Amino acid sequence: MESRASQRRVKYAELRAAGLCGNCARPSVTRSLCRKCRTKHNERLKTRRAKGVCTQCGSKTKSKGLCRSCRVKARPYQRNRKRSESYRENERKRASDNKRIVFAHYGNQCSCCKERREQFLTIAHKNDDGARDHRCRVRKRSKNYGRRYSGSAWHARIIKLGFPSDLELQCWNCNMARAHFGFCCNKPRLNTPRRGGRAA
C-alpha cells in the first residue's frame, strides 16, 4: 500500500502533466503552482522563517529552513533530481556559460603567448599567491571546508567576486613553466620571475 506522501506525489505529477496547478488544479502551464497558490505558499514561508520554525512542517528547529526530519525525507528526492538528465544538462550549460563569461572578461587568450584555444587555457594568479588565496577556499561554515574551488565552481566564484584584477588567463604551458622555472619559456626576459621558482 502506498503512503500518503507517494500518493500526493503521483497526483501532483498527473496535474502538472495536464498543465494544471499541483495544488488546486487550476490552469497553470508555465509554473508548478498557480499565482494564487504561489502567493499563499510564499507568505507561509516568510511567516515560518520569521518565527524560526521548519518551513515544511512548522516544528521548532535550530537551523534555518527545514528541520532535521524534513531534510532526511527530502534527500531521496534531491538525489534523484540530481541524477535526472535534465538537471545534469542544465548544470553543464551553466558551467559552460560561466566559463565563457570568465574567459571573455580576461581576453579569451593567454596573456603570455596569445594562445586562443579554450582547451589549453586556465586561470592564473598574477601575484603567485594561488596557494594562499583565501578566495580559492571554501568557507569555514561549509561542510566542504578546506577544499579548494576548481573548475566550474571556481568560475562561478570569480563571477561572484566581480572578476578580481589580480587574476589572468594563461595557457597550461606558460602557467606551469612559471611555476617550475620562475619564468615563462616563451618570454624569459620580459616576465617577472615567480617567488620560489627553480632556475632553468
Protein backbone atom coordinates (compact mmCIF):
# COMPACT_ATOMS: atom_id res chain seq x y z
CA MET A 1 0.00 0.00 0.00
CA GLU A 2 1.36 3.40 -1.00
CA SER A 3 1.90 6.06 1.63
CA ARG A 4 0.06 9.38 1.57
CA ALA A 5 3.22 11.18 0.52
CA SER A 6 3.73 8.93 -2.51
CA GLN A 7 0.04 9.30 -3.44
CA ARG A 8 0.39 13.09 -3.26
CA ARG A 9 3.47 12.96 -5.49
CA VAL A 10 1.63 10.84 -8.08
CA LYS A 11 -1.35 13.21 -8.05
CA TYR A 12 0.93 16.22 -8.33
CA ALA A 13 2.76 14.70 -11.32
CA GLU A 14 -0.55 13.95 -13.06
CA LEU A 15 -1.77 17.52 -12.54
CA ARG A 16 1.47 19.02 -13.82
CA ALA A 17 1.43 16.73 -16.89
CA ALA A 18 -2.06 18.07 -17.65
CA GLY A 19 -0.86 21.70 -17.33
CA LEU A 20 -2.70 22.32 -14.06
CA CYS A 21 -1.67 23.73 -10.69
CA GLY A 22 -0.25 20.99 -8.46
CA ASN A 23 -2.30 22.26 -5.50
CA CYS A 24 -5.73 23.46 -6.63
CA ALA A 25 -5.89 22.02 -10.20
CA ARG A 26 -6.38 25.45 -11.79
CA PRO A 27 -4.74 26.04 -15.20
CA SER A 28 -1.03 26.77 -14.77
CA VAL A 29 1.08 25.93 -17.79
CA THR A 30 4.40 27.64 -17.03
CA ARG A 31 4.79 27.05 -13.27
CA SER A 32 4.13 24.26 -10.79
CA LEU A 33 1.66 26.42 -8.81
CA CYS A 34 -0.87 28.99 -9.97
CA ARG A 35 -0.44 32.62 -8.93
CA LYS A 36 -2.89 32.40 -6.02
CA CYS A 37 -1.32 29.24 -4.56
CA ARG A 38 2.19 30.58 -5.15
CA THR A 39 1.42 33.79 -3.24
CA LYS A 40 -0.09 31.82 -0.38
CA HIS A 41 2.91 29.48 -0.31
CA ASN A 42 5.41 32.37 -0.23
CA GLU A 43 3.55 34.11 2.59
CA ARG A 44 3.59 30.89 4.63
CA LEU A 45 7.34 30.53 4.07
CA LYS A 46 8.00 34.12 5.18
CA THR A 47 5.89 33.66 8.31
CA ARG A 48 7.60 30.41 9.30
CA ARG A 49 11.08 31.82 8.64
CA ALA A 50 10.27 34.85 10.82
CA LYS A 51 9.11 32.54 13.63
CA GLY A 52 12.23 30.35 13.29
CA VAL A 53 10.33 27.12 12.62
CA CYS A 54 10.63 24.50 9.89
CA THR A 55 9.29 25.83 6.58
CA GLN A 56 7.89 22.40 5.69
CA CYS A 57 6.16 21.04 8.82
CA GLY A 58 6.17 24.08 11.16
CA SER A 59 8.02 22.35 14.02
CA LYS A 60 10.73 24.11 16.06
CA THR A 61 14.24 23.89 14.66
CA LYS A 62 17.59 25.49 15.42
CA SER A 63 18.69 25.63 11.78
CA LYS A 64 17.17 27.84 9.10
CA GLY A 65 14.83 26.24 6.60
CA LEU A 66 13.95 22.58 7.09
CA CYS A 67 14.17 20.65 10.33
CA ARG A 68 16.28 17.51 10.53
CA SER A 69 13.47 15.04 9.82
CA CYS A 70 12.24 17.02 6.79
CA ARG A 71 15.80 17.20 5.43
CA VAL A 72 16.11 13.42 5.77
CA LYS A 73 12.82 12.97 3.90
CA ALA A 74 13.94 15.32 1.14
CA ARG A 75 17.28 13.57 0.48
CA PRO A 76 15.97 10.83 -1.84
CA TYR A 77 14.10 13.42 -3.90
CA GLN A 78 17.17 15.66 -4.15
CA ARG A 79 19.38 12.69 -5.03
CA ASN A 80 17.02 11.53 -7.78
CA ARG A 81 16.66 15.10 -9.04
CA LYS A 82 20.44 15.45 -9.38
CA ARG A 83 20.56 12.16 -11.28
CA SER A 84 17.97 13.29 -13.83
CA GLU A 85 19.25 14.04 -17.31
CA SER A 86 17.57 17.45 -17.47
CA TYR A 87 19.28 18.54 -14.23
CA ARG A 88 22.69 17.41 -15.48
CA GLU A 89 22.12 19.11 -18.81
CA ASN A 90 21.25 22.40 -17.08
CA GLU A 91 24.36 22.11 -14.89
CA ARG A 92 26.56 21.51 -17.92
CA LYS A 93 25.04 24.51 -19.69
CA ARG A 94 25.52 26.72 -16.61
CA ALA A 95 29.14 25.61 -16.22
CA SER A 96 29.84 26.24 -19.91
CA ASP A 97 28.25 29.71 -19.76
CA ASN A 98 30.25 30.67 -16.65
CA LYS A 99 33.50 29.54 -18.26
CA ARG A 100 32.73 31.50 -21.43
CA ILE A 101 31.91 34.66 -19.40
CA VAL A 102 35.13 34.44 -17.34
CA PHE A 103 37.36 33.73 -20.35
CA ALA A 104 35.76 36.58 -22.32
CA HIS A 105 36.39 39.02 -19.47
CA TYR A 106 40.09 38.11 -19.29
CA GLY A 107 40.66 38.39 -23.04
CA ASN A 108 39.99 34.88 -24.42
CA GLN A 109 43.73 34.31 -24.91
CA CYS A 110 46.90 33.58 -22.96
CA SER A 111 48.41 36.77 -21.56
CA CYS A 112 51.90 35.48 -22.48
CA CYS A 113 51.91 33.51 -25.73
CA LYS A 114 48.46 34.61 -27.08
CA GLU A 115 47.19 31.03 -27.30
CA ARG A 116 43.44 31.21 -28.05
CA ARG A 117 42.32 27.56 -27.94
CA GLU A 118 39.96 27.22 -24.99
CA GLN A 119 41.08 23.68 -24.17
CA PHE A 120 44.58 24.95 -23.25
CA LEU A 121 43.58 27.99 -21.17
CA THR A 122 43.34 28.28 -17.39
CA ILE A 123 43.03 30.95 -14.69
CA ALA A 124 46.35 32.07 -13.13
CA HIS A 125 47.29 34.38 -10.25
CA LYS A 126 49.41 37.39 -11.23
CA ASN A 127 50.95 37.68 -7.74
CA ASP A 128 51.78 33.95 -7.48
CA ASP A 129 49.65 33.59 -4.35
CA GLY A 130 47.19 30.96 -5.54
CA ALA A 131 48.09 28.57 -2.70
CA ARG A 132 47.50 31.28 -0.10
CA ASP A 133 44.49 32.96 -1.73
CA HIS A 134 41.60 32.68 0.75
CA ARG A 135 39.12 33.36 -2.04
CA CYS A 136 40.02 29.99 -3.57
CA ARG A 137 38.98 28.10 -0.44
CA VAL A 138 35.55 27.05 0.76
CA ARG A 139 34.28 28.99 3.77
CA LYS A 140 34.53 27.62 7.30
CA ARG A 141 30.77 27.25 7.71
CA SER A 142 30.55 24.91 4.73
CA LYS A 143 30.69 21.13 5.12
CA ASN A 144 33.41 21.15 2.42
CA TYR A 145 35.67 23.48 4.44
CA GLY A 146 39.32 23.15 3.49
CA ARG A 147 38.69 22.16 -0.10
CA ARG A 148 39.60 24.44 -2.98
CA TYR A 149 37.32 25.80 -5.65
CA SER A 150 38.13 24.32 -9.04
CA GLY A 151 36.55 24.02 -12.46
CA SER A 152 33.02 25.35 -12.83
CA ALA A 153 32.79 26.22 -9.11
CA TRP A 154 35.89 28.42 -9.42
CA HIS A 155 34.47 30.17 -12.49
CA ALA A 156 31.21 30.88 -10.65
CA ARG A 157 33.23 32.15 -7.67
CA ILE A 158 35.17 34.57 -9.91
CA ILE A 159 31.92 35.98 -11.30
CA LYS A 160 30.54 36.41 -7.78
CA LEU A 161 33.71 38.26 -6.70
CA GLY A 162 33.38 40.68 -9.61
CA PHE A 163 36.33 39.45 -11.73
CA PRO A 164 39.35 40.25 -9.50
CA SER A 165 42.09 42.23 -11.21
CA ASP A 166 44.92 40.04 -9.83
CA LEU A 167 43.80 37.08 -11.96
CA GLU A 168 44.69 36.48 -15.61
CA LEU A 169 44.24 33.93 -18.35
CA GLN A 170 47.18 31.72 -19.31
CA CYS A 171 47.74 28.51 -21.19
CA TRP A 172 48.92 25.49 -19.22
CA ASN A 173 52.40 25.63 -20.75
CA CYS A 174 53.05 29.21 -19.63
CA ASN A 175 51.43 28.68 -16.25
CA MET A 176 53.42 25.53 -15.45
CA ALA A 177 56.66 26.99 -16.81
CA ARG A 178 56.34 29.97 -14.48
CA ALA A 179 55.55 27.64 -11.59
CA HIS A 180 58.53 25.33 -12.15
CA PHE A 181 61.21 27.57 -13.65
CA GLY A 182 60.26 31.02 -12.35
CA PHE A 183 59.64 32.48 -15.81
CA CYS A 184 57.78 31.64 -18.99
CA CYS A 185 59.85 29.88 -21.64
CA ASN A 186 58.28 31.98 -24.41
CA LYS A 187 59.43 35.31 -22.98
CA PRO A 188 62.01 34.63 -20.23
CA ARG A 189 63.32 38.18 -20.08
CA LEU A 190 60.00 40.03 -20.15
CA ASN A 191 58.12 38.05 -17.47
CA THR A 192 58.60 38.70 -13.76
CA PRO A 193 60.21 35.63 -12.07
CA ARG A 194 58.00 33.83 -9.63
CA ARG A 195 58.93 33.61 -5.98
CA GLY A 196 60.45 30.23 -5.20
CA GLY A 197 60.76 29.25 -8.87
CA ARG A 198 63.59 26.94 -9.87
CA ALA A 199 66.29 28.11 -12.22
CA ALA A 200 66.06 26.86 -15.77
